[in-house]
Amino acid sequence: MEEKQTEETVTTSSTVAPQQVVRTTKTVADPAGHAEHPQKVFNKKKTLFRTYQWIWYVLGVIEVLLALRVVLKALGANPSSGFAVLIYALSSPFAIPFSGLFGTTITANSVIEWSSMIAAAVYVLVAFGIIQLLQMAKPVDRHEVEQTVDEV
């Protein structure tokens, strides 16, 4: 932190011996030329915020589809019913990369797809990683940097 100190000398005259009054004022100045316009900073932060919202929304949709897939298979839903066909069709692009990773547990009509559960966990980790990567693009000011560095 850069501090500027200015000394001000005031001499007063009176019939008695002159007195000298010295005041020291400390002011903190931001480094010149390094600050962005506040509106530009706001627009960058707003764009990142909206991107975060989209990432979490897409993740939520994927997680719901995979959860419905796991629940329908675990409960032994009729695979030829319309709703089951829809859920299986929508969730299969997200489950296929993980199919065969682990075996499935089959009991009567119930099927436990471990690979779909792993897929759900991996997608959460990927979304979290993307969010953390985008955090590095967020504009920061000097106070945020000092606070964060002091906490570490």
N, C-alpha and C. Protein backbone atom coordinates (compact mmCIF):
# COMPACT_ATOMS: atom_id res chain seq x y z
N MET A 1 0.85 -1.16 0.00
CA MET A 1 0.00 0.00 0.00
C MET A 1 0.90 1.22 0.00
N GLU A 2 0.64 2.13 -0.91
CA GLU A 2 1.44 3.32 -1.07
C GLU A 2 0.80 4.45 -0.29
N GLU A 3 1.58 5.12 0.55
CA GLU A 3 1.05 6.22 1.33
C GLU A 3 1.80 7.48 0.99
N LYS A 4 1.07 8.57 0.89
CA LYS A 4 1.68 9.87 0.68
C LYS A 4 1.55 10.64 1.99
N GLN A 5 2.65 11.21 2.43
CA GLN A 5 2.60 12.02 3.63
C GLN A 5 2.88 13.46 3.23
N THR A 6 2.07 14.34 3.70
CA THR A 6 2.29 15.75 3.43
C THR A 6 2.40 16.45 4.77
N GLU A 7 3.34 17.33 4.86
CA GLU A 7 3.50 18.11 6.08
C GLU A 7 3.11 19.54 5.78
N GLU A 8 2.37 20.09 6.66
CA GLU A 8 1.90 21.45 6.50
C GLU A 8 2.42 22.26 7.67
N THR A 9 3.08 23.33 7.39
CA THR A 9 3.63 24.17 8.45
C THR A 9 2.84 25.47 8.48
N VAL A 10 2.36 25.79 9.67
CA VAL A 10 1.59 27.02 9.86
C VAL A 10 2.29 27.82 10.95
N THR A 11 2.62 29.04 10.65
CA THR A 11 3.25 29.92 11.64
C THR A 11 2.25 30.98 12.03
N THR A 12 2.09 31.13 13.32
CA THR A 12 1.16 32.14 13.80
C THR A 12 1.96 33.27 14.44
N SER A 13 1.47 34.47 14.30
CA SER A 13 2.18 35.59 14.92
C SER A 13 1.29 36.20 16.00
N SER A 14 1.88 36.53 17.05
CA SER A 14 1.18 37.19 18.14
C SER A 14 2.20 38.00 18.93
N THR A 15 1.78 38.59 19.98
CA THR A 15 2.70 39.42 20.76
C THR A 15 3.68 38.57 21.54
N VAL A 16 3.30 37.30 21.75
CA VAL A 16 4.24 36.41 22.42
C VAL A 16 5.11 35.74 21.37
N ALA A 17 5.98 34.90 21.81
CA ALA A 17 6.90 34.24 20.90
C ALA A 17 6.12 33.45 19.85
N PRO A 18 6.55 33.49 18.60
CA PRO A 18 5.84 32.76 17.54
C PRO A 18 5.82 31.25 17.82
N GLN A 19 4.70 30.66 17.49
CA GLN A 19 4.56 29.22 17.67
C GLN A 19 4.51 28.56 16.30
N GLN A 20 5.04 27.39 16.22
CA GLN A 20 4.99 26.67 14.97
C GLN A 20 4.10 25.44 15.16
N VAL A 21 3.08 25.30 14.29
CA VAL A 21 2.15 24.19 14.35
C VAL A 21 2.43 23.30 13.14
N VAL A 22 2.66 22.03 13.41
CA VAL A 22 2.93 21.10 12.32
C VAL A 22 1.85 20.02 12.35
N ARG A 23 1.18 19.84 11.22
CA ARG A 23 0.19 18.77 11.08
C ARG A 23 0.64 17.82 10.00
N THR A 24 0.54 16.55 10.29
CA THR A 24 0.89 15.53 9.30
C THR A 24 -0.39 14.83 8.89
N THR A 25 -0.65 14.83 7.60
CA THR A 25 -1.84 14.19 7.08
C THR A 25 -1.41 13.00 6.24
N LYS A 26 -2.06 11.84 6.51
CA LYS A 26 -1.76 10.65 5.71
C LYS A 26 -2.92 10.41 4.76
N THR A 27 -2.60 10.25 3.50
CA THR A 27 -3.62 9.90 2.51
C THR A 27 -3.12 8.69 1.74
N VAL A 28 -4.05 7.86 1.35
CA VAL A 28 -3.71 6.68 0.57
C VAL A 28 -4.19 6.92 -0.86
N ALA A 29 -3.31 6.75 -1.80
CA ALA A 29 -3.65 6.96 -3.20
C ALA A 29 -3.54 5.65 -3.96
N ASP A 30 -4.51 5.40 -4.83
CA ASP A 30 -4.44 4.24 -5.71
C ASP A 30 -3.35 4.47 -6.74
N PRO A 31 -2.70 3.40 -7.16
CA PRO A 31 -1.69 3.56 -8.20
C PRO A 31 -2.33 4.15 -9.46
N ALA A 32 -1.69 5.13 -10.02
CA ALA A 32 -2.26 5.82 -11.18
C ALA A 32 -2.25 4.92 -12.40
N GLY A 33 -3.35 4.96 -13.16
CA GLY A 33 -3.42 4.27 -14.43
C GLY A 33 -3.76 2.80 -14.36
N HIS A 34 -3.98 2.22 -13.20
CA HIS A 34 -4.25 0.79 -13.10
C HIS A 34 -5.71 0.47 -12.86
N ALA A 35 -6.51 1.48 -12.64
CA ALA A 35 -7.92 1.21 -12.32
C ALA A 35 -8.75 1.22 -13.60
N GLU A 36 -9.68 0.23 -13.67
CA GLU A 36 -10.60 0.19 -14.79
C GLU A 36 -11.83 1.02 -14.44
N HIS A 37 -12.52 1.41 -15.46
CA HIS A 37 -13.76 2.15 -15.24
C HIS A 37 -14.75 1.25 -14.50
N PRO A 38 -15.43 1.78 -13.47
CA PRO A 38 -16.34 0.95 -12.68
C PRO A 38 -17.42 0.24 -13.51
N GLN A 39 -17.93 0.88 -14.55
CA GLN A 39 -18.96 0.25 -15.38
C GLN A 39 -18.40 -0.95 -16.13
N LYS A 40 -17.15 -0.84 -16.58
CA LYS A 40 -16.51 -1.93 -17.29
C LYS A 40 -16.29 -3.12 -16.34
N VAL A 41 -15.87 -2.84 -15.11
CA VAL A 41 -15.70 -3.89 -14.11
C VAL A 41 -17.03 -4.55 -13.81
N PHE A 42 -18.08 -3.74 -13.65
CA PHE A 42 -19.42 -4.28 -13.38
C PHE A 42 -19.88 -5.18 -14.52
N ASN A 43 -19.68 -4.76 -15.76
CA ASN A 43 -20.10 -5.57 -16.91
C ASN A 43 -19.36 -6.90 -16.97
N LYS A 44 -18.08 -6.90 -16.64
CA LYS A 44 -17.32 -8.15 -16.62
C LYS A 44 -17.86 -9.08 -15.54
N LYS A 45 -18.08 -8.53 -14.36
CA LYS A 45 -18.60 -9.35 -13.25
C LYS A 45 -20.00 -9.86 -13.55
N LYS A 46 -20.81 -9.04 -14.21
CA LYS A 46 -22.17 -9.45 -14.56
C LYS A 46 -22.13 -10.60 -15.57
N THR A 47 -21.25 -10.50 -16.55
CA THR A 47 -21.11 -11.56 -17.55
C THR A 47 -20.66 -12.87 -16.90
N LEU A 48 -19.70 -12.78 -15.99
CA LEU A 48 -19.24 -13.99 -15.29
C LEU A 48 -20.36 -14.57 -14.43
N PHE A 49 -21.11 -13.71 -13.77
CA PHE A 49 -22.22 -14.17 -12.93
C PHE A 49 -23.25 -14.91 -13.76
N ARG A 50 -23.61 -14.36 -14.91
CA ARG A 50 -24.57 -15.03 -15.79
C ARG A 50 -24.01 -16.36 -16.32
N THR A 51 -22.72 -16.40 -16.60
CA THR A 51 -22.09 -17.64 -17.05
C THR A 51 -22.17 -18.70 -15.95
N TYR A 52 -21.90 -18.28 -14.71
CA TYR A 52 -22.02 -19.21 -13.58
C TYR A 52 -23.44 -19.75 -13.50
N GLN A 53 -24.42 -18.85 -13.65
CA GLN A 53 -25.82 -19.29 -13.58
C GLN A 53 -26.12 -20.31 -14.66
N TRP A 54 -25.66 -20.10 -15.88
CA TRP A 54 -25.91 -21.06 -16.97
C TRP A 54 -25.25 -22.40 -16.69
N ILE A 55 -24.03 -22.36 -16.19
CA ILE A 55 -23.32 -23.62 -15.90
C ILE A 55 -24.08 -24.41 -14.85
N TRP A 56 -24.50 -23.74 -13.76
CA TRP A 56 -25.24 -24.45 -12.71
C TRP A 56 -26.60 -24.93 -13.19
N TYR A 57 -27.24 -24.16 -14.08
CA TYR A 57 -28.53 -24.58 -14.61
C TYR A 57 -28.39 -25.84 -15.47
N VAL A 58 -27.41 -25.83 -16.37
CA VAL A 58 -27.18 -27.00 -17.23
C VAL A 58 -26.82 -28.21 -16.38
N LEU A 59 -25.97 -28.00 -15.37
CA LEU A 59 -25.63 -29.10 -14.47
C LEU A 59 -26.87 -29.63 -13.77
N GLY A 60 -27.75 -28.74 -13.33
CA GLY A 60 -28.98 -29.17 -12.66
C GLY A 60 -29.85 -30.03 -13.55
N VAL A 61 -29.97 -29.64 -14.81
CA VAL A 61 -30.77 -30.43 -15.76
C VAL A 61 -30.16 -31.82 -15.95
N ILE A 62 -28.84 -31.85 -16.13
CA ILE A 62 -28.16 -33.14 -16.31
C ILE A 62 -28.33 -34.02 -15.07
N GLU A 63 -28.18 -33.43 -13.90
CA GLU A 63 -28.30 -34.19 -12.65
C GLU A 63 -29.71 -34.74 -12.46
N VAL A 64 -30.71 -33.94 -12.80
CA VAL A 64 -32.10 -34.40 -12.66
C VAL A 64 -32.36 -35.56 -13.62
N LEU A 65 -31.89 -35.45 -14.86
CA LEU A 65 -32.08 -36.54 -15.82
C LEU A 65 -31.40 -37.83 -15.36
N LEU A 66 -30.16 -37.69 -14.87
CA LEU A 66 -29.45 -38.89 -14.40
C LEU A 66 -30.11 -39.47 -13.15
N ALA A 67 -30.60 -38.61 -12.26
CA ALA A 67 -31.28 -39.09 -11.05
C ALA A 67 -32.57 -39.83 -11.41
N LEU A 68 -33.33 -39.27 -12.34
CA LEU A 68 -34.56 -39.94 -12.78
C LEU A 68 -34.24 -41.28 -13.43
N ARG A 69 -33.17 -41.31 -14.20
CA ARG A 69 -32.75 -42.57 -14.84
C ARG A 69 -32.44 -43.63 -13.79
N VAL A 70 -31.66 -43.25 -12.77
CA VAL A 70 -31.28 -44.19 -11.72
C VAL A 70 -32.52 -44.65 -10.96
N VAL A 71 -33.40 -43.72 -10.62
CA VAL A 71 -34.60 -44.07 -9.85
C VAL A 71 -35.53 -44.98 -10.66
N LEU A 72 -35.76 -44.63 -11.93
CA LEU A 72 -36.65 -45.47 -12.75
C LEU A 72 -36.10 -46.88 -12.90
N LYS A 73 -34.79 -47.00 -13.12
CA LYS A 73 -34.21 -48.35 -13.26
C LYS A 73 -34.23 -49.09 -11.93
N ALA A 74 -33.98 -48.37 -10.84
CA ALA A 74 -33.95 -49.02 -9.53
C ALA A 74 -35.34 -49.51 -9.11
N LEU A 75 -36.35 -48.76 -9.50
CA LEU A 75 -37.71 -49.16 -9.15
C LEU A 75 -38.32 -50.13 -10.14
N GLY A 76 -37.59 -50.45 -11.19
CA GLY A 76 -38.07 -51.42 -12.17
C GLY A 76 -39.18 -50.87 -13.05
N ALA A 77 -39.07 -49.62 -13.45
CA ALA A 77 -40.09 -49.01 -14.32
C ALA A 77 -40.15 -49.73 -15.66
N ASN A 78 -41.34 -49.76 -16.23
CA ASN A 78 -41.54 -50.38 -17.54
C ASN A 78 -40.73 -49.62 -18.58
N PRO A 79 -39.71 -50.23 -19.19
CA PRO A 79 -38.86 -49.51 -20.14
C PRO A 79 -39.56 -49.12 -21.43
N SER A 80 -40.76 -49.62 -21.67
CA SER A 80 -41.47 -49.24 -22.89
C SER A 80 -42.52 -48.17 -22.63
N SER A 81 -42.65 -47.69 -21.40
CA SER A 81 -43.61 -46.60 -21.14
C SER A 81 -43.03 -45.31 -21.69
N GLY A 82 -43.89 -44.39 -22.07
CA GLY A 82 -43.47 -43.15 -22.72
C GLY A 82 -42.51 -42.31 -21.89
N PHE A 83 -42.83 -42.16 -20.60
CA PHE A 83 -41.99 -41.33 -19.73
C PHE A 83 -40.60 -41.96 -19.57
N ALA A 84 -40.55 -43.26 -19.36
CA ALA A 84 -39.27 -43.94 -19.21
C ALA A 84 -38.44 -43.85 -20.48
N VAL A 85 -39.09 -44.02 -21.63
CA VAL A 85 -38.38 -43.91 -22.91
C VAL A 85 -37.80 -42.50 -23.06
N LEU A 86 -38.59 -41.49 -22.70
CA LEU A 86 -38.12 -40.10 -22.80
C LEU A 86 -36.91 -39.87 -21.90
N ILE A 87 -37.01 -40.27 -20.65
CA ILE A 87 -35.91 -40.05 -19.70
C ILE A 87 -34.67 -40.82 -20.13
N TYR A 88 -34.83 -42.06 -20.55
CA TYR A 88 -33.67 -42.85 -20.99
C TYR A 88 -33.03 -42.23 -22.23
N ALA A 89 -33.85 -41.73 -23.15
CA ALA A 89 -33.32 -41.11 -24.38
C ALA A 89 -32.57 -39.81 -24.06
N LEU A 90 -33.13 -39.00 -23.15
CA LEU A 90 -32.48 -37.73 -22.82
C LEU A 90 -31.24 -37.90 -21.96
N SER A 91 -31.23 -38.92 -21.12
CA SER A 91 -30.10 -39.09 -20.20
C SER A 91 -28.99 -39.96 -20.78
N SER A 92 -29.28 -40.75 -21.80
CA SER A 92 -28.25 -41.66 -22.31
C SER A 92 -27.01 -40.95 -22.85
N PRO A 93 -27.10 -39.77 -23.51
CA PRO A 93 -25.86 -39.12 -23.95
C PRO A 93 -24.91 -38.78 -22.79
N PHE A 94 -25.48 -38.56 -21.61
CA PHE A 94 -24.66 -38.23 -20.45
C PHE A 94 -24.18 -39.48 -19.71
N ALA A 95 -24.90 -40.57 -19.85
CA ALA A 95 -24.55 -41.81 -19.16
C ALA A 95 -23.63 -42.71 -19.99
N ILE A 96 -23.71 -42.63 -21.31
CA ILE A 96 -22.95 -43.52 -22.19
C ILE A 96 -21.44 -43.45 -21.96
N PRO A 97 -20.83 -42.26 -21.78
CA PRO A 97 -19.37 -42.26 -21.57
C PRO A 97 -18.92 -43.06 -20.35
N PHE A 98 -19.83 -43.30 -19.42
CA PHE A 98 -19.48 -44.01 -18.20
C PHE A 98 -20.00 -45.45 -18.17
N SER A 99 -20.73 -45.85 -19.21
CA SER A 99 -21.29 -47.21 -19.23
C SER A 99 -20.15 -48.23 -19.31
N GLY A 100 -20.30 -49.31 -18.58
CA GLY A 100 -19.28 -50.34 -18.55
C GLY A 100 -18.17 -50.05 -17.57
N LEU A 101 -18.17 -48.88 -16.97
CA LEU A 101 -17.15 -48.55 -15.98
C LEU A 101 -17.27 -49.45 -14.76
N PHE A 102 -18.49 -49.64 -14.32
CA PHE A 102 -18.80 -50.58 -13.23
C PHE A 102 -19.94 -51.47 -13.70
N GLY A 103 -20.07 -52.59 -13.09
CA GLY A 103 -21.17 -53.49 -13.42
C GLY A 103 -22.49 -52.95 -12.89
N THR A 104 -23.56 -53.57 -13.29
CA THR A 104 -24.88 -53.20 -12.78
C THR A 104 -25.36 -54.28 -11.84
N THR A 105 -26.08 -53.86 -10.83
CA THR A 105 -26.65 -54.80 -9.88
C THR A 105 -28.09 -55.05 -10.29
N ILE A 106 -28.43 -56.30 -10.58
CA ILE A 106 -29.77 -56.64 -11.04
C ILE A 106 -30.44 -57.54 -10.02
N THR A 107 -31.63 -57.12 -9.58
CA THR A 107 -32.43 -57.91 -8.65
C THR A 107 -33.87 -57.87 -9.15
N ALA A 108 -34.41 -58.99 -9.57
CA ALA A 108 -35.77 -59.08 -10.14
C ALA A 108 -35.90 -58.06 -11.26
N ASN A 109 -36.78 -57.07 -11.12
CA ASN A 109 -36.96 -56.03 -12.14
C ASN A 109 -36.10 -54.80 -11.87
N SER A 110 -35.46 -54.75 -10.73
CA SER A 110 -34.68 -53.59 -10.31
C SER A 110 -33.25 -53.66 -10.84
N VAL A 111 -32.77 -52.53 -11.35
CA VAL A 111 -31.40 -52.43 -11.87
C VAL A 111 -30.74 -51.23 -11.23
N ILE A 112 -29.59 -51.43 -10.62
CA ILE A 112 -28.81 -50.32 -10.07
C ILE A 112 -27.67 -50.04 -11.03
N GLU A 113 -27.71 -48.86 -11.67
CA GLU A 113 -26.67 -48.45 -12.62
C GLU A 113 -25.63 -47.60 -11.88
N TRP A 114 -24.57 -48.25 -11.47
CA TRP A 114 -23.52 -47.54 -10.75
C TRP A 114 -22.84 -46.51 -11.65
N SER A 115 -22.73 -46.81 -12.91
CA SER A 115 -22.06 -45.89 -13.83
C SER A 115 -22.81 -44.57 -13.96
N SER A 116 -24.13 -44.59 -13.87
CA SER A 116 -24.90 -43.34 -13.93
C SER A 116 -24.67 -42.50 -12.68
N MET A 117 -24.50 -43.16 -11.55
CA MET A 117 -24.21 -42.42 -10.31
C MET A 117 -22.82 -41.79 -10.36
N ILE A 118 -21.87 -42.53 -10.92
CA ILE A 118 -20.51 -41.98 -11.09
C ILE A 118 -20.55 -40.82 -12.07
N ALA A 119 -21.34 -40.96 -13.13
CA ALA A 119 -21.46 -39.88 -14.11
C ALA A 119 -21.97 -38.60 -13.44
N ALA A 120 -22.98 -38.74 -12.58
CA ALA A 120 -23.52 -37.57 -11.89
C ALA A 120 -22.46 -36.89 -11.04
N ALA A 121 -21.65 -37.68 -10.34
CA ALA A 121 -20.59 -37.11 -9.50
C ALA A 121 -19.52 -36.42 -10.35
N VAL A 122 -19.17 -37.04 -11.47
CA VAL A 122 -18.15 -36.45 -12.34
C VAL A 122 -18.63 -35.13 -12.94
N TYR A 123 -19.89 -35.06 -13.34
CA TYR A 123 -20.42 -33.81 -13.90
C TYR A 123 -20.43 -32.69 -12.88
N VAL A 124 -20.67 -32.99 -11.63
CA VAL A 124 -20.59 -31.97 -10.58
C VAL A 124 -19.16 -31.46 -10.45
N LEU A 125 -18.20 -32.37 -10.45
CA LEU A 125 -16.80 -31.97 -10.35
C LEU A 125 -16.35 -31.13 -11.55
N VAL A 126 -16.80 -31.52 -12.74
CA VAL A 126 -16.44 -30.76 -13.94
C VAL A 126 -17.03 -29.34 -13.87
N ALA A 127 -18.29 -29.23 -13.47
CA ALA A 127 -18.92 -27.90 -13.36
C ALA A 127 -18.19 -27.05 -12.33
N PHE A 128 -17.85 -27.64 -11.19
CA PHE A 128 -17.12 -26.90 -10.16
C PHE A 128 -15.76 -26.45 -10.68
N GLY A 129 -15.08 -27.31 -11.42
CA GLY A 129 -13.78 -26.96 -11.99
C GLY A 129 -13.88 -25.81 -12.99
N ILE A 130 -14.91 -25.82 -13.81
CA ILE A 130 -15.11 -24.73 -14.79
C ILE A 130 -15.36 -23.42 -14.06
N ILE A 131 -16.19 -23.47 -13.02
CA ILE A 131 -16.49 -22.25 -12.25
C ILE A 131 -15.20 -21.71 -11.62
N GLN A 132 -14.38 -22.57 -11.06
CA GLN A 132 -13.13 -22.13 -10.45
C GLN A 132 -12.18 -21.56 -11.49
N LEU A 133 -12.17 -22.13 -12.67
CA LEU A 133 -11.33 -21.61 -13.75
C LEU A 133 -11.80 -20.22 -14.17
N LEU A 134 -13.11 -20.04 -14.27
CA LEU A 134 -13.64 -18.73 -14.64
C LEU A 134 -13.42 -17.69 -13.55
N GLN A 135 -13.29 -18.11 -12.31
CA GLN A 135 -13.02 -17.18 -11.21
C GLN A 135 -11.73 -16.40 -11.47
N MET A 136 -10.78 -17.02 -12.17
CA MET A 136 -9.52 -16.34 -12.43
C MET A 136 -9.69 -15.18 -13.41
N ALA A 137 -10.77 -15.14 -14.15
CA ALA A 137 -11.01 -14.05 -15.09
C ALA A 137 -11.73 -12.89 -14.44
N LYS A 138 -12.19 -13.07 -13.20
CA LYS A 138 -12.95 -12.04 -12.51
C LYS A 138 -12.05 -10.85 -12.19
N PRO A 139 -12.50 -9.63 -12.50
CA PRO A 139 -11.71 -8.46 -12.13
C PRO A 139 -11.65 -8.32 -10.61
N VAL A 140 -10.49 -8.01 -10.10
CA VAL A 140 -10.33 -7.82 -8.67
C VAL A 140 -9.74 -6.44 -8.40
N ASP A 141 -10.08 -5.91 -7.26
CA ASP A 141 -9.46 -4.64 -6.88
C ASP A 141 -8.40 -4.91 -5.82
N ARG A 142 -7.70 -3.88 -5.47
CA ARG A 142 -6.58 -4.01 -4.56
C ARG A 142 -7.02 -4.53 -3.20
N HIS A 143 -8.18 -4.12 -2.72
CA HIS A 143 -8.65 -4.54 -1.40
C HIS A 143 -8.96 -6.04 -1.37
N GLU A 144 -9.56 -6.56 -2.45
CA GLU A 144 -9.84 -8.00 -2.53
C GLU A 144 -8.55 -8.81 -2.50
N VAL A 145 -7.54 -8.33 -3.22
CA VAL A 145 -6.26 -9.04 -3.27
C VAL A 145 -5.62 -9.05 -1.88
N GLU A 146 -5.58 -7.88 -1.23
CA GLU A 146 -4.97 -7.81 0.09
C GLU A 146 -5.71 -8.69 1.10
N GLN A 147 -7.04 -8.68 1.06
CA GLN A 147 -7.84 -9.48 1.98
C GLN A 147 -7.61 -10.97 1.75
N THR A 148 -7.62 -11.39 0.48
CA THR A 148 -7.45 -12.79 0.15
C THR A 148 -6.05 -13.29 0.49
N VAL A 149 -5.05 -12.49 0.18
CA VAL A 149 -3.67 -12.90 0.45
C VAL A 149 -3.44 -12.95 1.96
N ASP A 150 -4.03 -12.03 2.72
CA ASP A 150 -3.86 -12.03 4.17
C ASP A 150 -4.53 -13.23 4.82
N GLU A 151 -5.62 -13.75 4.21
CA GLU A 151 -6.34 -14.90 4.76
C GLU A 151 -5.58 -16.20 4.56
N VAL A 152 -4.79 -16.26 3.50
CA VAL A 152 -4.08 -17.51 3.17
C VAL A 152 -2.90 -17.72 4.02
